[in-house]
Amino acid sequence: MKLPPVFMLIALSLWQPGCSEPPPNPCVESLRQRDSVLLARADSLLRLRDTLPGETYLSNLEQMRAEEQRLFLDVQECDFGKDLASYNYWYRGRLKFPGKLRQELYRLKPEMEER
């Protein structure tokens, strides 16, 4: 039995090459964007280390570190699903090893405990 052309057009319109791929997880994308912005700001701040007054530099550093810690809490709340690359980026990289902000704070305040 041959299908009428209308049914074939409907079937073809429903089938798209990208249909088999799951849509990107908004949680994962949001975390990556926030991390990218935070790392860029951290790099900018670290470059200004010698030009900013000590208290201002330390205050900005602590503020950014608090923001980083909030980001890390959000990472732990995110469901990465089957996105192993993103999961590994966070759990085998960013969360596992001290980042630039934490290293700089330890350099300036060696007595500081991990919060």
PDB file of N, CA and C in Angstrom:
ATOM      1  N   MET A   1       0.834  -1.169   0.000  1.00  0.00           N
ATOM      2  CA  MET A   1       0.000   0.000   0.000  1.00  0.00           C
ATOM      3  C   MET A   1       0.883   1.237   0.000  1.00  0.00           C
ATOM      4  N   LYS A   2       0.576   2.133  -0.844  1.00  0.00           N
ATOM      5  CA  LYS A   2       1.355   3.359  -0.993  1.00  0.00           C
ATOM      6  C   LYS A   2       0.717   4.474  -0.168  1.00  0.00           C
ATOM      7  N   LEU A   3       1.580   5.210   0.603  1.00  0.00           N
ATOM      8  CA  LEU A   3       1.076   6.306   1.432  1.00  0.00           C
ATOM      9  C   LEU A   3       0.844   7.549   0.585  1.00  0.00           C
ATOM     10  N   PRO A   4      -0.191   8.288   0.889  1.00  0.00           N
ATOM     11  CA  PRO A   4      -0.422   9.547   0.164  1.00  0.00           C
ATOM     12  C   PRO A   4       0.732  10.521   0.423  1.00  0.00           C
ATOM     13  N   PRO A   5       1.026  11.396  -0.510  1.00  0.00           N
ATOM     14  CA  PRO A   5       2.132  12.352  -0.362  1.00  0.00           C
ATOM     15  C   PRO A   5       2.024  13.220   0.888  1.00  0.00           C
ATOM     16  N   VAL A   6       0.833  13.486   1.361  1.00  0.00           N
ATOM     17  CA  VAL A   6       0.663  14.324   2.555  1.00  0.00           C
ATOM     18  C   VAL A   6       1.314  13.650   3.764  1.00  0.00           C
ATOM     19  N   PHE A   7       1.099  12.346   3.908  1.00  0.00           N
ATOM     20  CA  PHE A   7       1.691  11.626   5.026  1.00  0.00           C
ATOM     21  C   PHE A   7       3.215  11.601   4.942  1.00  0.00           C
ATOM     22  N   MET A   8       3.720  11.480   3.741  1.00  0.00           N
ATOM     23  CA  MET A   8       5.174  11.463   3.561  1.00  0.00           C
ATOM     24  C   MET A   8       5.769  12.822   3.924  1.00  0.00           C
ATOM     25  N   LEU A   9       5.086  13.905   3.559  1.00  0.00           N
ATOM     26  CA  LEU A   9       5.562  15.247   3.895  1.00  0.00           C
ATOM     27  C   LEU A   9       5.558  15.460   5.409  1.00  0.00           C
ATOM     28  N   ILE A  10       4.519  14.971   6.062  1.00  0.00           N
ATOM     29  CA  ILE A  10       4.452  15.100   7.520  1.00  0.00           C
ATOM     30  C   ILE A  10       5.580  14.309   8.168  1.00  0.00           C
ATOM     31  N   ALA A  11       5.794  13.104   7.702  1.00  0.00           N
ATOM     32  CA  ALA A  11       6.857  12.266   8.261  1.00  0.00           C
ATOM     33  C   ALA A  11       8.227  12.902   8.049  1.00  0.00           C
ATOM     34  N   LEU A  12       8.463  13.449   6.883  1.00  0.00           N
ATOM     35  CA  LEU A  12       9.747  14.089   6.600  1.00  0.00           C
ATOM     36  C   LEU A  12       9.932  15.361   7.419  1.00  0.00           C
ATOM     37  N   SER A  13       8.840  16.076   7.652  1.00  0.00           N
ATOM     38  CA  SER A  13       8.973  17.313   8.427  1.00  0.00           C
ATOM     39  C   SER A  13       9.252  17.021   9.900  1.00  0.00           C
ATOM     40  N   LEU A  14       8.780  15.883  10.394  1.00  0.00           N
ATOM     41  CA  LEU A  14       9.022  15.521  11.784  1.00  0.00           C
ATOM     42  C   LEU A  14      10.442  15.001  11.999  1.00  0.00           C
ATOM     43  N   TRP A  15      11.001  14.406  10.991  1.00  0.00           N
ATOM     44  CA  TRP A  15      12.347  13.861  11.108  1.00  0.00           C
ATOM     45  C   TRP A  15      13.351  14.947  10.767  1.00  0.00           C
ATOM     46  N   GLN A  16      14.252  15.209  11.710  1.00  0.00           N
ATOM     47  CA  GLN A  16      15.318  16.173  11.487  1.00  0.00           C
ATOM     48  C   GLN A  16      16.602  15.536  11.972  1.00  0.00           C
ATOM     49  N   PRO A  17      17.731  15.854  11.354  1.00  0.00           N
ATOM     50  CA  PRO A  17      18.989  15.229  11.757  1.00  0.00           C
ATOM     51  C   PRO A  17      19.344  15.461  13.226  1.00  0.00           C
ATOM     52  N   GLY A  18      18.995  16.584  13.791  1.00  0.00           N
ATOM     53  CA  GLY A  18      19.370  16.883  15.167  1.00  0.00           C
ATOM     54  C   GLY A  18      18.418  16.319  16.209  1.00  0.00           C
ATOM     55  N   CYS A  19      17.391  15.629  15.780  1.00  0.00           N
ATOM     56  CA  CYS A  19      16.399  15.123  16.728  1.00  0.00           C
ATOM     57  C   CYS A  19      16.964  14.065  17.660  1.00  0.00           C
ATOM     58  N   SER A  20      17.939  13.314  17.223  1.00  0.00           N
ATOM     59  CA  SER A  20      18.446  12.222  18.044  1.00  0.00           C
ATOM     60  C   SER A  20      19.351  12.719  19.173  1.00  0.00           C
ATOM     61  N   GLU A  21      19.877  13.927  19.065  1.00  0.00           N
ATOM     62  CA  GLU A  21      20.755  14.467  20.107  1.00  0.00           C
ATOM     63  C   GLU A  21      19.912  15.151  21.174  1.00  0.00           C
ATOM     64  N   PRO A  22      20.221  14.870  22.447  1.00  0.00           N
ATOM     65  CA  PRO A  22      19.465  15.549  23.503  1.00  0.00           C
ATOM     66  C   PRO A  22      19.826  17.032  23.539  1.00  0.00           C
ATOM     67  N   PRO A  23      18.893  17.870  23.942  1.00  0.00           N
ATOM     68  CA  PRO A  23      19.210  19.297  24.015  1.00  0.00           C
ATOM     69  C   PRO A  23      20.246  19.543  25.107  1.00  0.00           C
ATOM     70  N   PRO A  24      21.069  20.574  24.948  1.00  0.00           N
ATOM     71  CA  PRO A  24      22.087  20.842  25.970  1.00  0.00           C
ATOM     72  C   PRO A  24      21.437  21.183  27.310  1.00  0.00           C
ATOM     73  N   ASN A  25      22.064  20.720  28.362  1.00  0.00           N
ATOM     74  CA  ASN A  25      21.565  20.948  29.709  1.00  0.00           C
ATOM     75  C   ASN A  25      21.811  22.411  30.090  1.00  0.00           C
ATOM     76  N   PRO A  26      20.753  23.173  30.387  1.00  0.00           N
ATOM     77  CA  PRO A  26      20.946  24.597  30.712  1.00  0.00           C
ATOM     78  C   PRO A  26      21.774  24.795  31.980  1.00  0.00           C
ATOM     79  N   CYS A  27      21.690  23.869  32.910  1.00  0.00           N
ATOM     80  CA  CYS A  27      22.470  23.962  34.146  1.00  0.00           C
ATOM     81  C   CYS A  27      23.959  23.914  33.826  1.00  0.00           C
ATOM     82  N   VAL A  28      24.359  22.971  32.998  1.00  0.00           N
ATOM     83  CA  VAL A  28      25.770  22.799  32.647  1.00  0.00           C
ATOM     84  C   VAL A  28      26.280  24.018  31.888  1.00  0.00           C
ATOM     85  N   GLU A  29      25.494  24.508  30.948  1.00  0.00           N
ATOM     86  CA  GLU A  29      25.905  25.682  30.170  1.00  0.00           C
ATOM     87  C   GLU A  29      26.047  26.919  31.060  1.00  0.00           C
ATOM     88  N   SER A  30      25.103  27.097  31.965  1.00  0.00           N
ATOM     89  CA  SER A  30      25.135  28.243  32.866  1.00  0.00           C
ATOM     90  C   SER A  30      26.376  28.199  33.763  1.00  0.00           C
ATOM     91  N   LEU A  31      26.688  27.023  34.287  1.00  0.00           N
ATOM     92  CA  LEU A  31      27.878  26.880  35.137  1.00  0.00           C
ATOM     93  C   LEU A  31      29.145  27.206  34.362  1.00  0.00           C
ATOM     94  N   ARG A  32      29.227  26.715  33.138  1.00  0.00           N
ATOM     95  CA  ARG A  32      30.426  26.941  32.330  1.00  0.00           C
ATOM     96  C   ARG A  32      30.586  28.422  32.010  1.00  0.00           C
ATOM     97  N   GLN A  33      29.486  29.103  31.710  1.00  0.00           N
ATOM     98  CA  GLN A  33      29.551  30.537  31.417  1.00  0.00           C
ATOM     99  C   GLN A  33      29.974  31.326  32.652  1.00  0.00           C
ATOM    100  N   ARG A  34      29.362  31.014  33.787  1.00  0.00           N
ATOM    101  CA  ARG A  34      29.725  31.708  35.026  1.00  0.00           C
ATOM    102  C   ARG A  34      31.194  31.476  35.362  1.00  0.00           C
ATOM    103  N   ASP A  35      31.669  30.258  35.159  1.00  0.00           N
ATOM    104  CA  ASP A  35      33.059  29.938  35.445  1.00  0.00           C
ATOM    105  C   ASP A  35      33.998  30.698  34.515  1.00  0.00           C
ATOM    106  N   SER A  36      33.638  30.772  33.262  1.00  0.00           N
ATOM    107  CA  SER A  36      34.460  31.488  32.283  1.00  0.00           C
ATOM    108  C   SER A  36      34.588  32.964  32.646  1.00  0.00           C
ATOM    109  N   VAL A  37      33.471  33.581  33.018  1.00  0.00           N
ATOM    110  CA  VAL A  37      33.491  34.991  33.406  1.00  0.00           C
ATOM    111  C   VAL A  37      34.315  35.187  34.674  1.00  0.00           C
ATOM    112  N   LEU A  38      34.126  34.303  35.642  1.00  0.00           N
ATOM    113  CA  LEU A  38      34.864  34.403  36.903  1.00  0.00           C
ATOM    114  C   LEU A  38      36.370  34.243  36.682  1.00  0.00           C
ATOM    115  N   LEU A  39      36.763  33.285  35.846  1.00  0.00           N
ATOM    116  CA  LEU A  39      38.193  33.086  35.573  1.00  0.00           C
ATOM    117  C   LEU A  39      38.801  34.289  34.854  1.00  0.00           C
ATOM    118  N   ALA A  40      38.050  34.885  33.948  1.00  0.00           N
ATOM    119  CA  ALA A  40      38.551  36.085  33.250  1.00  0.00           C
ATOM    120  C   ALA A  40      38.722  37.242  34.232  1.00  0.00           C
ATOM    121  N   ARG A  41      37.751  37.410  35.130  1.00  0.00           N
ATOM    122  CA  ARG A  41      37.864  38.469  36.139  1.00  0.00           C
ATOM    123  C   ARG A  41      39.033  38.200  37.087  1.00  0.00           C
ATOM    124  N   ALA A  42      39.240  36.933  37.441  1.00  0.00           N
ATOM    125  CA  ALA A  42      40.351  36.578  38.323  1.00  0.00           C
ATOM    126  C   ALA A  42      41.684  36.890  37.651  1.00  0.00           C
ATOM    127  N   ASP A  43      41.805  36.563  36.377  1.00  0.00           N
ATOM    128  CA  ASP A  43      43.039  36.872  35.648  1.00  0.00           C
ATOM    129  C   ASP A  43      43.298  38.373  35.628  1.00  0.00           C
ATOM    130  N   SER A  44      42.242  39.150  35.402  1.00  0.00           N
ATOM    131  CA  SER A  44      42.384  40.611  35.383  1.00  0.00           C
ATOM    132  C   SER A  44      42.833  41.131  36.741  1.00  0.00           C
ATOM    133  N   LEU A  45      42.231  40.604  37.802  1.00  0.00           N
ATOM    134  CA  LEU A  45      42.601  41.038  39.146  1.00  0.00           C
ATOM    135  C   LEU A  45      44.039  40.657  39.477  1.00  0.00           C
ATOM    136  N   LEU A  46      44.436  39.453  39.114  1.00  0.00           N
ATOM    137  CA  LEU A  46      45.805  39.007  39.410  1.00  0.00           C
ATOM    138  C   LEU A  46      46.843  39.848  38.654  1.00  0.00           C
ATOM    139  N   ARG A  47      46.475  40.328  37.462  1.00  0.00           N
ATOM    140  CA  ARG A  47      47.399  41.194  36.716  1.00  0.00           C
ATOM    141  C   ARG A  47      47.570  42.551  37.388  1.00  0.00           C
ATOM    142  N   LEU A  48      46.565  42.970  38.163  1.00  0.00           N
ATOM    143  CA  LEU A  48      46.608  44.271  38.831  1.00  0.00           C
ATOM    144  C   LEU A  48      47.202  44.181  40.243  1.00  0.00           C
ATOM    145  N   ARG A  49      47.733  43.056  40.600  1.00  0.00           N
ATOM    146  CA  ARG A  49      48.251  42.818  41.948  1.00  0.00           C
ATOM    147  C   ARG A  49      49.189  43.919  42.415  1.00  0.00           C
ATOM    148  N   ASP A  50      50.099  44.345  41.577  1.00  0.00           N
ATOM    149  CA  ASP A  50      51.113  45.324  41.982  1.00  0.00           C
ATOM    150  C   ASP A  50      50.626  46.769  41.911  1.00  0.00           C
ATOM    151  N   THR A  51      49.506  47.014  41.245  1.00  0.00           N
ATOM    152  CA  THR A  51      49.044  48.393  41.088  1.00  0.00           C
ATOM    153  C   THR A  51      47.929  48.769  42.070  1.00  0.00           C
ATOM    154  N   LEU A  52      47.213  47.788  42.593  1.00  0.00           N
ATOM    155  CA  LEU A  52      46.130  48.077  43.546  1.00  0.00           C
ATOM    156  C   LEU A  52      46.675  48.153  44.967  1.00  0.00           C
ATOM    157  N   PRO A  53      46.053  48.981  45.809  1.00  0.00           N
ATOM    158  CA  PRO A  53      46.421  48.977  47.236  1.00  0.00           C
ATOM    159  C   PRO A  53      46.140  47.586  47.833  1.00  0.00           C
ATOM    160  N   GLY A  54      46.934  47.190  48.783  1.00  0.00           N
ATOM    161  CA  GLY A  54      46.849  45.848  49.358  1.00  0.00           C
ATOM    162  C   GLY A  54      45.479  45.469  49.880  1.00  0.00           C
ATOM    163  N   GLU A  55      44.833  46.382  50.620  1.00  0.00           N
ATOM    164  CA  GLU A  55      43.520  46.088  51.189  1.00  0.00           C
ATOM    165  C   GLU A  55      42.460  45.923  50.102  1.00  0.00           C
ATOM    166  N   THR A  56      42.529  46.769  49.087  1.00  0.00           N
ATOM    167  CA  THR A  56      41.576  46.681  47.981  1.00  0.00           C
ATOM    168  C   THR A  56      41.752  45.371  47.232  1.00  0.00           C
ATOM    169  N   TYR A  57      42.999  45.026  46.975  1.00  0.00           N
ATOM    170  CA  TYR A  57      43.304  43.781  46.268  1.00  0.00           C
ATOM    171  C   TYR A  57      42.790  42.578  47.059  1.00  0.00           C
ATOM    172  N   LEU A  58      43.078  42.542  48.348  1.00  0.00           N
ATOM    173  CA  LEU A  58      42.665  41.432  49.194  1.00  0.00           C
ATOM    174  C   LEU A  58      41.137  41.356  49.295  1.00  0.00           C
ATOM    175  N   SER A  59      40.491  42.500  49.423  1.00  0.00           N
ATOM    176  CA  SER A  59      39.038  42.535  49.502  1.00  0.00           C
ATOM    177  C   SER A  59      38.399  41.983  48.225  1.00  0.00           C
ATOM    178  N   ASN A  60      38.903  42.411  47.075  1.00  0.00           N
ATOM    179  CA  ASN A  60      38.388  41.909  45.793  1.00  0.00           C
ATOM    180  C   ASN A  60      38.646  40.415  45.644  1.00  0.00           C
ATOM    181  N   LEU A  61      39.800  39.991  46.085  1.00  0.00           N
ATOM    182  CA  LEU A  61      40.168  38.577  46.005  1.00  0.00           C
ATOM    183  C   LEU A  61      39.220  37.728  46.858  1.00  0.00           C
ATOM    184  N   GLU A  62      38.941  38.182  48.073  1.00  0.00           N
ATOM    185  CA  GLU A  62      38.036  37.439  48.965  1.00  0.00           C
ATOM    186  C   GLU A  62      36.615  37.428  48.420  1.00  0.00           C
ATOM    187  N   GLN A  63      36.187  38.528  47.835  1.00  0.00           N
ATOM    188  CA  GLN A  63      34.855  38.605  47.251  1.00  0.00           C
ATOM    189  C   GLN A  63      34.724  37.620  46.080  1.00  0.00           C
ATOM    190  N   MET A  64      35.733  37.576  45.235  1.00  0.00           N
ATOM    191  CA  MET A  64      35.695  36.663  44.100  1.00  0.00           C
ATOM    192  C   MET A  64      35.789  35.211  44.551  1.00  0.00           C
ATOM    193  N   ARG A  65      36.529  34.951  45.604  1.00  0.00           N
ATOM    194  CA  ARG A  65      36.629  33.592  46.136  1.00  0.00           C
ATOM    195  C   ARG A  65      35.277  33.141  46.691  1.00  0.00           C
ATOM    196  N   ALA A  66      34.558  34.046  47.349  1.00  0.00           N
ATOM    197  CA  ALA A  66      33.219  33.713  47.844  1.00  0.00           C
ATOM    198  C   ALA A  66      32.278  33.402  46.677  1.00  0.00           C
ATOM    199  N   GLU A  67      32.411  34.162  45.608  1.00  0.00           N
ATOM    200  CA  GLU A  67      31.605  33.914  44.411  1.00  0.00           C
ATOM    201  C   GLU A  67      31.954  32.546  43.814  1.00  0.00           C
ATOM    202  N   GLU A  68      33.228  32.216  43.818  1.00  0.00           N
ATOM    203  CA  GLU A  68      33.674  30.924  43.309  1.00  0.00           C
ATOM    204  C   GLU A  68      33.105  29.785  44.164  1.00  0.00           C
ATOM    205  N   GLN A  69      33.075  29.969  45.457  1.00  0.00           N
ATOM    206  CA  GLN A  69      32.534  28.946  46.345  1.00  0.00           C
ATOM    207  C   GLN A  69      31.025  28.756  46.110  1.00  0.00           C
ATOM    208  N   ARG A  70      30.296  29.839  45.851  1.00  0.00           N
ATOM    209  CA  ARG A  70      28.876  29.718  45.519  1.00  0.00           C
ATOM    210  C   ARG A  70      28.698  28.959  44.210  1.00  0.00           C
ATOM    211  N   LEU A  71      29.581  29.224  43.253  1.00  0.00           N
ATOM    212  CA  LEU A  71      29.545  28.502  41.986  1.00  0.00           C
ATOM    213  C   LEU A  71      29.769  27.010  42.221  1.00  0.00           C
ATOM    214  N   PHE A  72      30.727  26.673  43.082  1.00  0.00           N
ATOM    215  CA  PHE A  72      31.021  25.278  43.366  1.00  0.00           C
ATOM    216  C   PHE A  72      29.839  24.584  44.053  1.00  0.00           C
ATOM    217  N   LEU A  73      29.116  25.301  44.886  1.00  0.00           N
ATOM    218  CA  LEU A  73      27.914  24.725  45.501  1.00  0.00           C
ATOM    219  C   LEU A  73      26.849  24.448  44.439  1.00  0.00           C
ATOM    220  N   ASP A  74      26.728  25.351  43.476  1.00  0.00           N
ATOM    221  CA  ASP A  74      25.777  25.142  42.383  1.00  0.00           C
ATOM    222  C   ASP A  74      26.188  23.968  41.505  1.00  0.00           C
ATOM    223  N   VAL A  75      27.484  23.760  41.359  1.00  0.00           N
ATOM    224  CA  VAL A  75      27.977  22.614  40.578  1.00  0.00           C
ATOM    225  C   VAL A  75      27.511  21.320  41.239  1.00  0.00           C
ATOM    226  N   GLN A  76      27.587  21.267  42.547  1.00  0.00           N
ATOM    227  CA  GLN A  76      27.199  20.051  43.260  1.00  0.00           C
ATOM    228  C   GLN A  76      25.697  19.782  43.172  1.00  0.00           C
ATOM    229  N   GLU A  77      24.922  20.814  42.887  1.00  0.00           N
ATOM    230  CA  GLU A  77      23.473  20.664  42.737  1.00  0.00           C
ATOM    231  C   GLU A  77      23.056  20.299  41.315  1.00  0.00           C
ATOM    232  N   CYS A  78      23.967  20.449  40.366  1.00  0.00           N
ATOM    233  CA  CYS A  78      23.644  20.240  38.953  1.00  0.00           C
ATOM    234  C   CYS A  78      23.681  18.753  38.596  1.00  0.00           C
ATOM    235  N   ASP A  79      22.750  18.329  37.764  1.00  0.00           N
ATOM    236  CA  ASP A  79      22.732  16.967  37.248  1.00  0.00           C
ATOM    237  C   ASP A  79      23.389  16.982  35.870  1.00  0.00           C
ATOM    238  N   PHE A  80      24.539  16.346  35.752  1.00  0.00           N
ATOM    239  CA  PHE A  80      25.284  16.373  34.500  1.00  0.00           C
ATOM    240  C   PHE A  80      24.800  15.313  33.511  1.00  0.00           C
ATOM    241  N   GLY A  81      23.996  14.379  33.979  1.00  0.00           N
ATOM    242  CA  GLY A  81      23.470  13.350  33.088  1.00  0.00           C
ATOM    243  C   GLY A  81      24.591  12.566  32.440  1.00  0.00           C
ATOM    244  N   LYS A  82      24.560  12.503  31.131  1.00  0.00           N
ATOM    245  CA  LYS A  82      25.574  11.745  30.386  1.00  0.00           C
ATOM    246  C   LYS A  82      26.709  12.626  29.876  1.00  0.00           C
ATOM    247  N   ASP A  83      26.735  13.883  30.284  1.00  0.00           N
ATOM    248  CA  ASP A  83      27.768  14.822  29.838  1.00  0.00           C
ATOM    249  C   ASP A  83      29.050  14.610  30.657  1.00  0.00           C
ATOM    250  N   LEU A  84      29.805  13.590  30.286  1.00  0.00           N
ATOM    251  CA  LEU A  84      31.014  13.238  31.036  1.00  0.00           C
ATOM    252  C   LEU A  84      32.112  14.284  30.927  1.00  0.00           C
ATOM    253  N   ALA A  85      32.190  14.960  29.803  1.00  0.00           N
ATOM    254  CA  ALA A  85      33.227  15.984  29.643  1.00  0.00           C
ATOM    255  C   ALA A  85      33.027  17.109  30.665  1.00  0.00           C
ATOM    256  N   SER A  86      31.802  17.560  30.820  1.00  0.00           N
ATOM    257  CA  SER A  86      31.534  18.618  31.799  1.00  0.00           C
ATOM    258  C   SER A  86      31.706  18.105  33.223  1.00  0.00           C
ATOM    259  N   TYR A  87      31.230  16.906  33.475  1.00  0.00           N
ATOM    260  CA  TYR A  87      31.380  16.316  34.806  1.00  0.00           C
ATOM    261  C   TYR A  87      32.862  16.232  35.177  1.00  0.00           C
ATOM    262  N   ASN A  88      33.671  15.742  34.254  1.00  0.00           N
ATOM    263  CA  ASN A  88      35.107  15.619  34.518  1.00  0.00           C
ATOM    264  C   ASN A  88      35.776  16.974  34.684  1.00  0.00           C
ATOM    265  N   TYR A  89      35.337  17.966  33.911  1.00  0.00           N
ATOM    266  CA  TYR A  89      35.905  19.310  34.050  1.00  0.00           C
ATOM    267  C   TYR A  89      35.740  19.788  35.485  1.00  0.00           C
ATOM    268  N   TRP A  90      34.565  19.599  36.051  1.00  0.00           N
ATOM    269  CA  TRP A  90      34.301  20.089  37.397  1.00  0.00           C
ATOM    270  C   TRP A  90      34.890  19.184  38.476  1.00  0.00           C
ATOM    271  N   TYR A  91      34.569  17.898  38.416  1.00  0.00           N
ATOM    272  CA  TYR A  91      34.918  17.010  39.526  1.00  0.00           C
ATOM    273  C   TYR A  91      36.343  16.474  39.469  1.00  0.00           C
ATOM    274  N   ARG A  92      36.951  16.449  38.321  1.00  0.00           N
ATOM    275  CA  ARG A  92      38.329  15.991  38.220  1.00  0.00           C
ATOM    276  C   ARG A  92      39.295  17.137  37.963  1.00  0.00           C
ATOM    277  N   GLY A  93      38.767  18.347  37.977  1.00  0.00           N
ATOM    278  CA  GLY A  93      39.592  19.516  37.722  1.00  0.00           C
ATOM    279  C   GLY A  93      39.316  20.642  38.696  1.00  0.00           C
ATOM    280  N   ARG A  94      38.316  21.442  38.372  1.00  0.00           N
ATOM    281  CA  ARG A  94      38.056  22.673  39.134  1.00  0.00           C
ATOM    282  C   ARG A  94      37.783  22.434  40.614  1.00  0.00           C
ATOM    283  N   LEU A  95      37.012  21.411  40.966  1.00  0.00           N
ATOM    284  CA  LEU A  95      36.690  21.167  42.371  1.00  0.00           C
ATOM    285  C   LEU A  95      37.813  20.421  43.099  1.00  0.00           C
ATOM    286  N   LYS A  96      38.632  19.735  42.362  1.00  0.00           N
ATOM    287  CA  LYS A  96      39.645  18.879  42.976  1.00  0.00           C
ATOM    288  C   LYS A  96      40.918  19.638  43.336  1.00  0.00           C
ATOM    289  N   PHE A  97      41.311  20.576  42.502  1.00  0.00           N
ATOM    290  CA  PHE A  97      42.575  21.277  42.692  1.00  0.00           C
ATOM    291  C   PHE A  97      42.334  22.750  43.005  1.00  0.00           C
ATOM    292  N   PRO A  98      43.180  23.355  43.823  1.00  0.00           N
ATOM    293  CA  PRO A  98      42.981  24.780  44.132  1.00  0.00           C
ATOM    294  C   PRO A  98      43.167  25.639  42.885  1.00  0.00           C
ATOM    295  N   GLY A  99      42.229  26.557  42.698  1.00  0.00           N
ATOM    296  CA  GLY A  99      42.295  27.464  41.561  1.00  0.00           C
ATOM    297  C   GLY A  99      43.179  28.664  41.852  1.00  0.00           C
ATOM    298  N   LYS A 100      43.244  29.566  40.903  1.00  0.00           N
ATOM    299  CA  LYS A 100      44.094  30.754  41.025  1.00  0.00           C
ATOM    300  C   LYS A 100      43.723  31.610  42.228  1.00  0.00           C
ATOM    301  N   LEU A 101      42.422  31.790  42.437  1.00  0.00           N
ATOM    302  CA  LEU A 101      41.973  32.637  43.546  1.00  0.00           C
ATOM    303  C   LEU A 101      42.382  32.036  44.890  1.00  0.00           C
ATOM    304  N   ARG A 102      42.128  30.758  45.049  1.00  0.00           N
ATOM    305  CA  ARG A 102      42.472  30.103  46.312  1.00  0.00           C
ATOM    306  C   ARG A 102      43.979  30.092  46.543  1.00  0.00           C
ATOM    307  N   GLN A 103      44.745  29.842  45.502  1.00  0.00           N
ATOM    308  CA  GLN A 103      46.206  29.843  45.630  1.00  0.00           C
ATOM    309  C   GLN A 103      46.717  31.222  46.036  1.00  0.00           C
ATOM    310  N   GLU A 104      46.152  32.254  45.433  1.00  0.00           N
ATOM    311  CA  GLU A 104      46.590  33.618  45.745  1.00  0.00           C
ATOM    312  C   GLU A 104      46.228  33.985  47.186  1.00  0.00           C
ATOM    313  N   LEU A 105      45.043  33.588  47.624  1.00  0.00           N
ATOM    314  CA  LEU A 105      44.663  33.853  49.014  1.00  0.00           C
ATOM    315  C   LEU A 105      45.588  33.120  49.983  1.00  0.00           C
ATOM    316  N   TYR A 106      45.948  31.906  49.675  1.00  0.00           N
ATOM    317  CA  TYR A 106      46.879  31.165  50.534  1.00  0.00           C
ATOM    318  C   TYR A 106      48.259  31.819  50.543  1.00  0.00           C
ATOM    319  N   ARG A 107      48.635  32.374  49.412  1.00  0.00           N
ATOM    320  CA  ARG A 107      49.934  33.052  49.338  1.00  0.00           C
ATOM    321  C   ARG A 107      49.937  34.285  50.234  1.00  0.00           C
ATOM    322  N   LEU A 108      48.830  35.029  50.223  1.00  0.00           N
ATOM    323  CA  LEU A 108      48.733  36.255  51.009  1.00  0.00           C
ATOM    324  C   LEU A 108      48.428  35.992  52.477  1.00  0.00           C
ATOM    325  N   LYS A 109      47.643  34.979  52.733  1.00  0.00           N
ATOM    326  CA  LYS A 109      47.225  34.667  54.103  1.00  0.00           C
ATOM    327  C   LYS A 109      47.447  33.183  54.371  1.00  0.00           C
ATOM    328  N   PRO A 110      48.687  32.781  54.647  1.00  0.00           N
ATOM    329  CA  PRO A 110      48.958  31.353  54.820  1.00  0.00           C
ATOM    330  C   PRO A 110      48.196  30.721  55.982  1.00  0.00           C
ATOM    331  N   GLU A 111      47.816  31.524  56.958  1.00  0.00           N
ATOM    332  CA  GLU A 111      47.104  30.982  58.107  1.00  0.00           C
ATOM    333  C   GLU A 111      45.622  30.748  57.819  1.00  0.00           C
ATOM    334  N   MET A 112      45.156  31.185  56.644  1.00  0.00           N
ATOM    335  CA  MET A 112      43.742  31.070  56.307  1.00  0.00           C
ATOM    336  C   MET A 112      43.346  29.604  56.153  1.00  0.00           C
ATOM    337  N   GLU A 113      42.267  29.232  56.804  1.00  0.00           N
ATOM    338  CA  GLU A 113      41.755  27.870  56.693  1.00  0.00           C
ATOM    339  C   GLU A 113      40.866  27.771  55.472  1.00  0.00           C
ATOM    340  N   GLU A 114      40.669  26.559  55.000  1.00  0.00           N
ATOM    341  CA  GLU A 114      39.731  26.330  53.899  1.00  0.00           C
ATOM    342  C   GLU A 114      38.321  26.524  54.424  1.00  0.00           C
ATOM    343  N   ARG A 115      37.561  27.372  53.751  1.00  0.00           N
ATOM    344  CA  ARG A 115      36.171  27.621  54.160  1.00  0.00           C
ATOM    345  C   ARG A 115      35.250  26.725  53.398  1.00  0.00           C
TER     346      ARG A 115
END
